[in-house]
mmCIF file of all heavy atoms, coordinates in Angstrom:
data_MODEL
# 
_entry.id   MODEL 
# 
loop_
_atom_site.group_PDB 
_atom_site.id 
_atom_site.type_symbol 
_atom_site.label_atom_id 
_atom_site.label_alt_id 
_atom_site.label_comp_id 
_atom_site.label_asym_id 
_atom_site.label_entity_id 
_atom_site.label_seq_id 
_atom_site.pdbx_PDB_ins_code 
_atom_site.Cartn_x 
_atom_site.Cartn_y 
_atom_site.Cartn_z 
_atom_site.occupancy 
_atom_site.B_iso_or_equiv 
_atom_site.pdbx_formal_charge 
_atom_site.auth_seq_id 
_atom_site.auth_comp_id 
_atom_site.auth_asym_id 
_atom_site.auth_atom_id 
_atom_site.pdbx_PDB_model_num 
ATOM 1   N N   . GLY A 1 1  ? -119.481 -17.259 87.910 1.00 0.00 ? 1  GLY A N   1 
ATOM 2   C CA  . GLY A 1 1  ? -119.130 -17.642 89.260 1.00 0.00 ? 1  GLY A CA  1 
ATOM 3   C C   . GLY A 1 1  ? -119.704 -18.999 89.617 1.00 0.00 ? 1  GLY A C   1 
ATOM 4   O O   . GLY A 1 1  ? -120.514 -19.564 88.893 1.00 0.00 ? 1  GLY A O   1 
ATOM 5   N N   . GLY A 1 2  ? -119.266 -19.522 90.757 1.00 0.00 ? 2  GLY A N   1 
ATOM 6   C CA  . GLY A 1 2  ? -119.746 -20.815 91.203 1.00 0.00 ? 2  GLY A CA  1 
ATOM 7   C C   . GLY A 1 2  ? -118.885 -21.382 92.303 1.00 0.00 ? 2  GLY A C   1 
ATOM 8   O O   . GLY A 1 2  ? -118.061 -20.684 92.894 1.00 0.00 ? 2  GLY A O   1 
ATOM 9   N N   . LEU A 1 3  ? -119.076 -22.667 92.570 1.00 0.00 ? 3  LEU A N   1 
ATOM 10  C CA  . LEU A 1 3  ? -118.343 -23.390 93.603 1.00 0.00 ? 3  LEU A CA  1 
ATOM 11  C C   . LEU A 1 3  ? -117.314 -24.305 92.952 1.00 0.00 ? 3  LEU A C   1 
ATOM 12  O O   . LEU A 1 3  ? -117.659 -25.126 92.098 1.00 0.00 ? 3  LEU A O   1 
ATOM 13  C CB  . LEU A 1 3  ? -119.309 -24.209 94.457 1.00 0.00 ? 3  LEU A CB  1 
ATOM 14  C CG  . LEU A 1 3  ? -118.697 -25.145 95.494 1.00 0.00 ? 3  LEU A CG  1 
ATOM 15  C CD1 . LEU A 1 3  ? -117.941 -24.354 96.548 1.00 0.00 ? 3  LEU A CD1 1 
ATOM 16  C CD2 . LEU A 1 3  ? -119.789 -25.992 96.135 1.00 0.00 ? 3  LEU A CD2 1 
ATOM 17  N N   . VAL A 1 4  ? -116.057 -24.156 93.353 1.00 0.00 ? 4  VAL A N   1 
ATOM 18  C CA  . VAL A 1 4  ? -114.987 -24.997 92.839 1.00 0.00 ? 4  VAL A CA  1 
ATOM 19  C C   . VAL A 1 4  ? -114.084 -25.433 93.981 1.00 0.00 ? 4  VAL A C   1 
ATOM 20  O O   . VAL A 1 4  ? -114.049 -24.808 95.040 1.00 0.00 ? 4  VAL A O   1 
ATOM 21  C CB  . VAL A 1 4  ? -114.142 -24.288 91.763 1.00 0.00 ? 4  VAL A CB  1 
ATOM 22  C CG1 . VAL A 1 4  ? -114.991 -23.929 90.552 1.00 0.00 ? 4  VAL A CG1 1 
ATOM 23  C CG2 . VAL A 1 4  ? -113.484 -23.042 92.342 1.00 0.00 ? 4  VAL A CG2 1 
ATOM 24  N N   . GLN A 1 5  ? -113.342 -26.510 93.753 1.00 0.00 ? 5  GLN A N   1 
ATOM 25  C CA  . GLN A 1 5  ? -112.357 -26.959 94.717 1.00 0.00 ? 5  GLN A CA  1 
ATOM 26  C C   . GLN A 1 5  ? -111.063 -26.171 94.569 1.00 0.00 ? 5  GLN A C   1 
ATOM 27  O O   . GLN A 1 5  ? -110.764 -25.636 93.494 1.00 0.00 ? 5  GLN A O   1 
ATOM 28  C CB  . GLN A 1 5  ? -112.066 -28.448 94.539 1.00 0.00 ? 5  GLN A CB  1 
ATOM 29  C CG  . GLN A 1 5  ? -113.227 -29.363 94.886 1.00 0.00 ? 5  GLN A CG  1 
ATOM 30  C CD  . GLN A 1 5  ? -112.860 -30.823 94.767 1.00 0.00 ? 5  GLN A CD  1 
ATOM 31  O OE1 . GLN A 1 5  ? -112.073 -31.212 93.914 1.00 0.00 ? 5  GLN A OE1 1 
ATOM 32  N NE2 . GLN A 1 5  ? -113.435 -31.640 95.633 1.00 0.00 ? 5  GLN A NE2 1 
ATOM 33  N N   . ALA A 1 6  ? -110.305 -26.092 95.646 1.00 0.00 ? 6  ALA A N   1 
ATOM 34  C CA  . ALA A 1 6  ? -109.006 -25.437 95.590 1.00 0.00 ? 6  ALA A CA  1 
ATOM 35  C C   . ALA A 1 6  ? -108.157 -26.045 94.482 1.00 0.00 ? 6  ALA A C   1 
ATOM 36  O O   . ALA A 1 6  ? -108.115 -27.266 94.313 1.00 0.00 ? 6  ALA A O   1 
ATOM 37  C CB  . ALA A 1 6  ? -108.296 -25.555 96.932 1.00 0.00 ? 6  ALA A CB  1 
ATOM 38  N N   . GLY A 1 7  ? -107.491 -25.180 93.731 1.00 0.00 ? 7  GLY A N   1 
ATOM 39  C CA  . GLY A 1 7  ? -106.699 -25.614 92.598 1.00 0.00 ? 7  GLY A CA  1 
ATOM 40  C C   . GLY A 1 7  ? -107.444 -25.585 91.279 1.00 0.00 ? 7  GLY A C   1 
ATOM 41  O O   . GLY A 1 7  ? -106.821 -25.725 90.215 1.00 0.00 ? 7  GLY A O   1 
ATOM 42  N N   . GLY A 1 8  ? -108.739 -25.396 91.327 1.00 0.00 ? 8  GLY A N   1 
ATOM 43  C CA  . GLY A 1 8  ? -109.544 -25.356 90.129 1.00 0.00 ? 8  GLY A CA  1 
ATOM 44  C C   . GLY A 1 8  ? -109.540 -23.997 89.467 1.00 0.00 ? 8  GLY A C   1 
ATOM 45  O O   . GLY A 1 8  ? -108.859 -23.066 89.901 1.00 0.00 ? 8  GLY A O   1 
ATOM 46  N N   . SER A 1 9  ? -110.340 -23.876 88.407 1.00 0.00 ? 9  SER A N   1 
ATOM 47  C CA  . SER A 1 9  ? -110.380 -22.658 87.606 1.00 0.00 ? 9  SER A CA  1 
ATOM 48  C C   . SER A 1 9  ? -111.807 -22.211 87.343 1.00 0.00 ? 9  SER A C   1 
ATOM 49  O O   . SER A 1 9  ? -112.730 -23.025 87.294 1.00 0.00 ? 9  SER A O   1 
ATOM 50  C CB  . SER A 1 9  ? -109.685 -22.870 86.261 1.00 0.00 ? 9  SER A CB  1 
ATOM 51  O OG  . SER A 1 9  ? -108.318 -23.188 86.418 1.00 0.00 ? 9  SER A OG  1 
ATOM 52  N N   . LEU A 1 10 ? -111.969 -20.918 87.170 1.00 0.00 ? 10 LEU A N   1 
ATOM 53  C CA  . LEU A 1 10 ? -113.220 -20.317 86.730 1.00 0.00 ? 10 LEU A CA  1 
ATOM 54  C C   . LEU A 1 10 ? -112.895 -19.184 85.773 1.00 0.00 ? 10 LEU A C   1 
ATOM 55  O O   . LEU A 1 10 ? -111.852 -18.552 85.887 1.00 0.00 ? 10 LEU A O   1 
ATOM 56  C CB  . LEU A 1 10 ? -114.024 -19.755 87.899 1.00 0.00 ? 10 LEU A CB  1 
ATOM 57  C CG  . LEU A 1 10 ? -114.748 -20.722 88.826 1.00 0.00 ? 10 LEU A CG  1 
ATOM 58  C CD1 . LEU A 1 10 ? -115.336 -19.951 90.006 1.00 0.00 ? 10 LEU A CD1 1 
ATOM 59  C CD2 . LEU A 1 10 ? -115.845 -21.468 88.085 1.00 0.00 ? 10 LEU A CD2 1 
ATOM 60  N N   . ARG A 1 11 ? -113.811 -18.918 84.861 1.00 0.00 ? 11 ARG A N   1 
ATOM 61  C CA  . ARG A 1 11 ? -113.693 -17.769 83.979 1.00 0.00 ? 11 ARG A CA  1 
ATOM 62  C C   . ARG A 1 11 ? -114.917 -16.887 84.149 1.00 0.00 ? 11 ARG A C   1 
ATOM 63  O O   . ARG A 1 11 ? -116.034 -17.305 83.838 1.00 0.00 ? 11 ARG A O   1 
ATOM 64  C CB  . ARG A 1 11 ? -113.566 -18.191 82.523 1.00 0.00 ? 11 ARG A CB  1 
ATOM 65  C CG  . ARG A 1 11 ? -113.199 -17.030 81.591 1.00 0.00 ? 11 ARG A CG  1 
ATOM 66  C CD  . ARG A 1 11 ? -113.305 -17.413 80.141 1.00 0.00 ? 11 ARG A CD  1 
ATOM 67  N NE  . ARG A 1 11 ? -112.665 -16.445 79.266 1.00 0.00 ? 11 ARG A NE  1 
ATOM 68  C CZ  . ARG A 1 11 ? -112.919 -16.313 77.968 1.00 0.00 ? 11 ARG A CZ  1 
ATOM 69  N NH1 . ARG A 1 11 ? -113.792 -17.127 77.385 1.00 0.00 ? 11 ARG A NH1 1 
ATOM 70  N NH2 . ARG A 1 11 ? -112.281 -15.400 77.254 1.00 0.00 ? 11 ARG A NH2 1 
ATOM 71  N N   . LEU A 1 12 ? -114.707 -15.687 84.649 1.00 0.00 ? 12 LEU A N   1 
ATOM 72  C CA  . LEU A 1 12 ? -115.783 -14.735 84.817 1.00 0.00 ? 12 LEU A CA  1 
ATOM 73  C C   . LEU A 1 12 ? -115.924 -13.875 83.572 1.00 0.00 ? 12 LEU A C   1 
ATOM 74  O O   . LEU A 1 12 ? -114.938 -13.518 82.933 1.00 0.00 ? 12 LEU A O   1 
ATOM 75  C CB  . LEU A 1 12 ? -115.530 -13.823 86.018 1.00 0.00 ? 12 LEU A CB  1 
ATOM 76  C CG  . LEU A 1 12 ? -115.280 -14.500 87.365 1.00 0.00 ? 12 LEU A CG  1 
ATOM 77  C CD1 . LEU A 1 12 ? -115.142 -13.445 88.457 1.00 0.00 ? 12 LEU A CD1 1 
ATOM 78  C CD2 . LEU A 1 12 ? -116.388 -15.487 87.704 1.00 0.00 ? 12 LEU A CD2 1 
ATOM 79  N N   . SER A 1 13 ? -117.158 -13.532 83.244 1.00 0.00 ? 13 SER A N   1 
ATOM 80  C CA  . SER A 1 13 ? -117.445 -12.641 82.136 1.00 0.00 ? 13 SER A CA  1 
ATOM 81  C C   . SER A 1 13 ? -118.256 -11.458 82.628 1.00 0.00 ? 13 SER A C   1 
ATOM 82  O O   . SER A 1 13 ? -119.038 -11.579 83.573 1.00 0.00 ? 13 SER A O   1 
ATOM 83  C CB  . SER A 1 13 ? -118.226 -13.365 81.034 1.00 0.00 ? 13 SER A CB  1 
ATOM 84  O OG  . SER A 1 13 ? -117.486 -14.429 80.487 1.00 0.00 ? 13 SER A OG  1 
ATOM 85  N N   . CYS A 1 14 ? -118.072 -10.327 81.991 1.00 0.00 ? 14 CYS A N   1 
ATOM 86  C CA  . CYS A 1 14 ? -118.839 -9.129  82.296 1.00 0.00 ? 14 CYS A CA  1 
ATOM 87  C C   . CYS A 1 14 ? -119.329 -8.553  80.980 1.00 0.00 ? 14 CYS A C   1 
ATOM 88  O O   . CYS A 1 14 ? -118.534 -8.038  80.188 1.00 0.00 ? 14 CYS A O   1 
ATOM 89  C CB  . CYS A 1 14 ? -117.978 -8.117  83.053 1.00 0.00 ? 14 CYS A CB  1 
ATOM 90  S SG  . CYS A 1 14 ? -118.802 -6.547  83.385 1.00 0.00 ? 14 CYS A SG  1 
ATOM 91  N N   . ALA A 1 15 ? -120.616 -8.662  80.749 1.00 0.00 ? 15 ALA A N   1 
ATOM 92  C CA  . ALA A 1 15 ? -121.222 -8.178  79.517 1.00 0.00 ? 15 ALA A CA  1 
ATOM 93  C C   . ALA A 1 15 ? -121.840 -6.809  79.746 1.00 0.00 ? 15 ALA A C   1 
ATOM 94  O O   . ALA A 1 15 ? -122.651 -6.634  80.657 1.00 0.00 ? 15 ALA A O   1 
ATOM 95  C CB  . ALA A 1 15 ? -122.283 -9.158  79.027 1.00 0.00 ? 15 ALA A CB  1 
ATOM 96  N N   . ALA A 1 16 ? -121.461 -5.852  78.920 1.00 0.00 ? 16 ALA A N   1 
ATOM 97  C CA  . ALA A 1 16 ? -121.946 -4.482  79.046 1.00 0.00 ? 16 ALA A CA  1 
ATOM 98  C C   . ALA A 1 16 ? -122.978 -4.181  77.978 1.00 0.00 ? 16 ALA A C   1 
ATOM 99  O O   . ALA A 1 16 ? -122.887 -4.660  76.842 1.00 0.00 ? 16 ALA A O   1 
ATOM 100 C CB  . ALA A 1 16 ? -120.788 -3.497  78.941 1.00 0.00 ? 16 ALA A CB  1 
ATOM 101 N N   . SER A 1 17 ? -123.949 -3.366  78.336 1.00 0.00 ? 17 SER A N   1 
ATOM 102 C CA  . SER A 1 17 ? -124.968 -2.939  77.391 1.00 0.00 ? 17 SER A CA  1 
ATOM 103 C C   . SER A 1 17 ? -125.403 -1.517  77.714 1.00 0.00 ? 17 SER A C   1 
ATOM 104 O O   . SER A 1 17 ? -125.152 -1.008  78.809 1.00 0.00 ? 17 SER A O   1 
ATOM 105 C CB  . SER A 1 17 ? -126.171 -3.882  77.411 1.00 0.00 ? 17 SER A CB  1 
ATOM 106 O OG  . SER A 1 17 ? -126.795 -3.890  78.687 1.00 0.00 ? 17 SER A OG  1 
ATOM 107 N N   . GLY A 1 18 ? -126.057 -0.872  76.771 1.00 0.00 ? 18 GLY A N   1 
ATOM 108 C CA  . GLY A 1 18 ? -126.537 0.484   76.961 1.00 0.00 ? 18 GLY A CA  1 
ATOM 109 C C   . GLY A 1 18 ? -125.589 1.557   76.478 1.00 0.00 ? 18 GLY A C   1 
ATOM 110 O O   . GLY A 1 18 ? -126.003 2.698   76.258 1.00 0.00 ? 18 GLY A O   1 
ATOM 111 N N   . ARG A 1 19 ? -124.335 1.219   76.344 1.00 0.00 ? 19 ARG A N   1 
ATOM 112 C CA  . ARG A 1 19 ? -123.321 2.101   75.803 1.00 0.00 ? 19 ARG A CA  1 
ATOM 113 C C   . ARG A 1 19 ? -122.137 1.252   75.392 1.00 0.00 ? 19 ARG A C   1 
ATOM 114 O O   . ARG A 1 19 ? -122.051 0.083   75.781 1.00 0.00 ? 19 ARG A O   1 
ATOM 115 C CB  . ARG A 1 19 ? -122.897 3.181   76.805 1.00 0.00 ? 19 ARG A CB  1 
ATOM 116 C CG  . ARG A 1 19 ? -122.134 2.647   78.005 1.00 0.00 ? 19 ARG A CG  1 
ATOM 117 C CD  . ARG A 1 19 ? -121.864 3.730   79.045 1.00 0.00 ? 19 ARG A CD  1 
ATOM 118 N NE  . ARG A 1 19 ? -120.959 4.767   78.575 1.00 0.00 ? 19 ARG A NE  1 
ATOM 119 C CZ  . ARG A 1 19 ? -119.626 4.717   78.649 1.00 0.00 ? 19 ARG A CZ  1 
ATOM 120 N NH1 . ARG A 1 19 ? -119.031 3.641   79.169 1.00 0.00 ? 19 ARG A NH1 1 
ATOM 121 N NH2 . ARG A 1 19 ? -118.886 5.724   78.212 1.00 0.00 ? 19 ARG A NH2 1 
ATOM 122 N N   . THR A 1 20 ? -121.217 1.812   74.658 1.00 0.00 ? 20 THR A N   1 
ATOM 123 C CA  . THR A 1 20 ? -119.979 1.115   74.345 1.00 0.00 ? 20 THR A CA  1 
ATOM 124 C C   . THR A 1 20 ? -118.926 1.473   75.380 1.00 0.00 ? 20 THR A C   1 
ATOM 125 O O   . THR A 1 20 ? -118.882 2.599   75.879 1.00 0.00 ? 20 THR A O   1 
ATOM 126 C CB  . THR A 1 20 ? -119.469 1.457   72.939 1.00 0.00 ? 20 THR A CB  1 
ATOM 127 O OG1 . THR A 1 20 ? -119.234 2.864   72.837 1.00 0.00 ? 20 THR A OG1 1 
ATOM 128 C CG2 . THR A 1 20 ? -120.480 1.041   71.894 1.00 0.00 ? 20 THR A CG2 1 
ATOM 129 N N   . PHE A 1 21 ? -118.093 0.505   75.703 1.00 0.00 ? 21 PHE A N   1 
ATOM 130 C CA  . PHE A 1 21 ? -117.084 0.682   76.739 1.00 0.00 ? 21 PHE A CA  1 
ATOM 131 C C   . PHE A 1 21 ? -115.664 0.638   76.188 1.00 0.00 ? 21 PHE A C   1 
ATOM 132 O O   . PHE A 1 21 ? -114.705 0.519   76.954 1.00 0.00 ? 21 PHE A O   1 
ATOM 133 C CB  . PHE A 1 21 ? -117.268 -0.388  77.820 1.00 0.00 ? 21 PHE A CB  1 
ATOM 134 C CG  . PHE A 1 21 ? -118.516 -0.214  78.626 1.00 0.00 ? 21 PHE A CG  1 
ATOM 135 C CD1 . PHE A 1 21 ? -119.734 -0.657  78.148 1.00 0.00 ? 21 PHE A CD1 1 
ATOM 136 C CD2 . PHE A 1 21 ? -118.477 0.405   79.866 1.00 0.00 ? 21 PHE A CD2 1 
ATOM 137 C CE1 . PHE A 1 21 ? -120.898 -0.490  78.887 1.00 0.00 ? 21 PHE A CE1 1 
ATOM 138 C CE2 . PHE A 1 21 ? -119.628 0.575   80.618 1.00 0.00 ? 21 PHE A CE2 1 
ATOM 139 C CZ  . PHE A 1 21 ? -120.844 0.127   80.124 1.00 0.00 ? 21 PHE A CZ  1 
ATOM 140 N N   . ARG A 1 22 ? -115.522 0.757   74.882 1.00 0.00 ? 22 ARG A N   1 
ATOM 141 C CA  . ARG A 1 22 ? -114.202 0.605   74.279 1.00 0.00 ? 22 ARG A CA  1 
ATOM 142 C C   . ARG A 1 22 ? -113.231 1.710   74.653 1.00 0.00 ? 22 ARG A C   1 
ATOM 143 O O   . ARG A 1 22 ? -112.014 1.527   74.524 1.00 0.00 ? 22 ARG A O   1 
ATOM 144 C CB  . ARG A 1 22 ? -114.321 0.495   72.761 1.00 0.00 ? 22 ARG A CB  1 
ATOM 145 C CG  . ARG A 1 22 ? -114.921 1.704   72.076 1.00 0.00 ? 22 ARG A CG  1 
ATOM 146 C CD  . ARG A 1 22 ? -115.024 1.446   70.577 1.00 0.00 ? 22 ARG A CD  1 
ATOM 147 N NE  . ARG A 1 22 ? -115.705 2.528   69.877 1.00 0.00 ? 22 ARG A NE  1 
ATOM 148 C CZ  . ARG A 1 22 ? -117.012 2.593   69.686 1.00 0.00 ? 22 ARG A CZ  1 
ATOM 149 N NH1 . ARG A 1 22 ? -117.802 1.617   70.123 1.00 0.00 ? 22 ARG A NH1 1 
ATOM 150 N NH2 . ARG A 1 22 ? -117.550 3.620   69.037 1.00 0.00 ? 22 ARG A NH2 1 
ATOM 151 N N   . ARG A 1 23 ? -113.715 2.852   75.113 1.00 0.00 ? 23 ARG A N   1 
ATOM 152 C CA  . ARG A 1 23 ? -112.843 3.940   75.545 1.00 0.00 ? 23 ARG A CA  1 
ATOM 153 C C   . ARG A 1 23 ? -112.647 3.961   77.057 1.00 0.00 ? 23 ARG A C   1 
ATOM 154 O O   . ARG A 1 23 ? -112.030 4.889   77.582 1.00 0.00 ? 23 ARG A O   1 
ATOM 155 C CB  . ARG A 1 23 ? -113.382 5.291   75.076 1.00 0.00 ? 23 ARG A CB  1 
ATOM 156 C CG  . ARG A 1 23 ? -113.368 5.473   73.560 1.00 0.00 ? 23 ARG A CG  1 
ATOM 157 C CD  . ARG A 1 23 ? -113.747 6.893   73.171 1.00 0.00 ? 23 ARG A CD  1 
ATOM 158 N NE  . ARG A 1 23 ? -115.117 7.212   73.564 1.00 0.00 ? 23 ARG A NE  1 
ATOM 159 C CZ  . ARG A 1 23 ? -116.191 6.958   72.840 1.00 0.00 ? 23 ARG A CZ  1 
ATOM 160 N NH1 . ARG A 1 23 ? -116.048 6.368   71.649 1.00 0.00 ? 23 ARG A NH1 1 
ATOM 161 N NH2 . ARG A 1 23 ? -117.390 7.283   73.278 1.00 0.00 ? 23 ARG A NH2 1 
ATOM 162 N N   . ASP A 1 24 ? -113.150 2.950   77.742 1.00 0.00 ? 24 ASP A N   1 
ATOM 163 C CA  . ASP A 1 24 ? -113.111 2.906   79.196 1.00 0.00 ? 24 ASP A CA  1 
ATOM 164 C C   . ASP A 1 24 ? -112.116 1.884   79.703 1.00 0.00 ? 24 ASP A C   1 
ATOM 165 O O   . ASP A 1 24 ? -112.036 0.770   79.192 1.00 0.00 ? 24 ASP A O   1 
ATOM 166 C CB  . ASP A 1 24 ? -114.486 2.523   79.748 1.00 0.00 ? 24 ASP A CB  1 
ATOM 167 C CG  . ASP A 1 24 ? -115.602 3.445   79.314 1.00 0.00 ? 24 ASP A CG  1 
ATOM 168 O OD1 . ASP A 1 24 ? -115.321 4.515   78.734 1.00 0.00 ? 24 ASP A OD1 1 
ATOM 169 O OD2 . ASP A 1 24 ? -116.769 3.095   79.560 1.00 0.00 ? 24 ASP A OD2 1 
ATOM 170 N N   . ALA A 1 25 ? -111.374 2.264   80.746 1.00 0.00 ? 25 ALA A N   1 
ATOM 171 C CA  . ALA A 1 25 ? -110.661 1.267   81.512 1.00 0.00 ? 25 ALA A CA  1 
ATOM 172 C C   . ALA A 1 25 ? -111.675 0.422   82.289 1.00 0.00 ? 25 ALA A C   1 
ATOM 173 O O   . ALA A 1 25 ? -112.726 0.922   82.694 1.00 0.00 ? 25 ALA A O   1 
ATOM 174 C CB  . ALA A 1 25 ? -109.682 1.930   82.467 1.00 0.00 ? 25 ALA A CB  1 
ATOM 175 N N   . MET A 1 26 ? -111.362 -0.849  82.481 1.00 0.00 ? 26 MET A N   1 
ATOM 176 C CA  . MET A 1 26 ? -112.258 -1.763  83.169 1.00 0.00 ? 26 MET A CA  1 
ATOM 177 C C   . MET A 1 26 ? -111.531 -2.416  84.335 1.00 0.00 ? 26 MET A C   1 
ATOM 178 O O   . MET A 1 26 ? -110.321 -2.657  84.260 1.00 0.00 ? 26 MET A O   1 
ATOM 179 C CB  . MET A 1 26 ? -112.766 -2.849  82.228 1.00 0.00 ? 26 MET A CB  1 
ATOM 180 C CG  . MET A 1 26 ? -113.485 -2.336  80.990 1.00 0.00 ? 26 MET A CG  1 
ATOM 181 S SD  . MET A 1 26 ? -115.088 -1.567  81.368 1.00 0.00 ? 26 MET A SD  1 
ATOM 182 C CE  . MET A 1 26 ? -116.021 -3.005  81.939 1.00 0.00 ? 26 MET A CE  1 
ATOM 183 N N   . GLY A 1 27 ? -112.276 -2.716  85.383 1.00 0.00 ? 27 GLY A N   1 
ATOM 184 C CA  . GLY A 1 27 ? -111.688 -3.355  86.545 1.00 0.00 ? 27 GLY A CA  1 
ATOM 185 C C   . GLY A 1 27 ? -112.567 -4.448  87.112 1.00 0.00 ? 27 GLY A C   1 
ATOM 186 O O   . GLY A 1 27 ? -113.785 -4.453  86.922 1.00 0.00 ? 27 GLY A O   1 
# 
């Protein structure tokens, strides 16, 4: 996350730990 101007782009990441999430739907 961060501050961007209108029309710009960001890429969010979500790193999971403590278990595997390959059988889970994500939102």
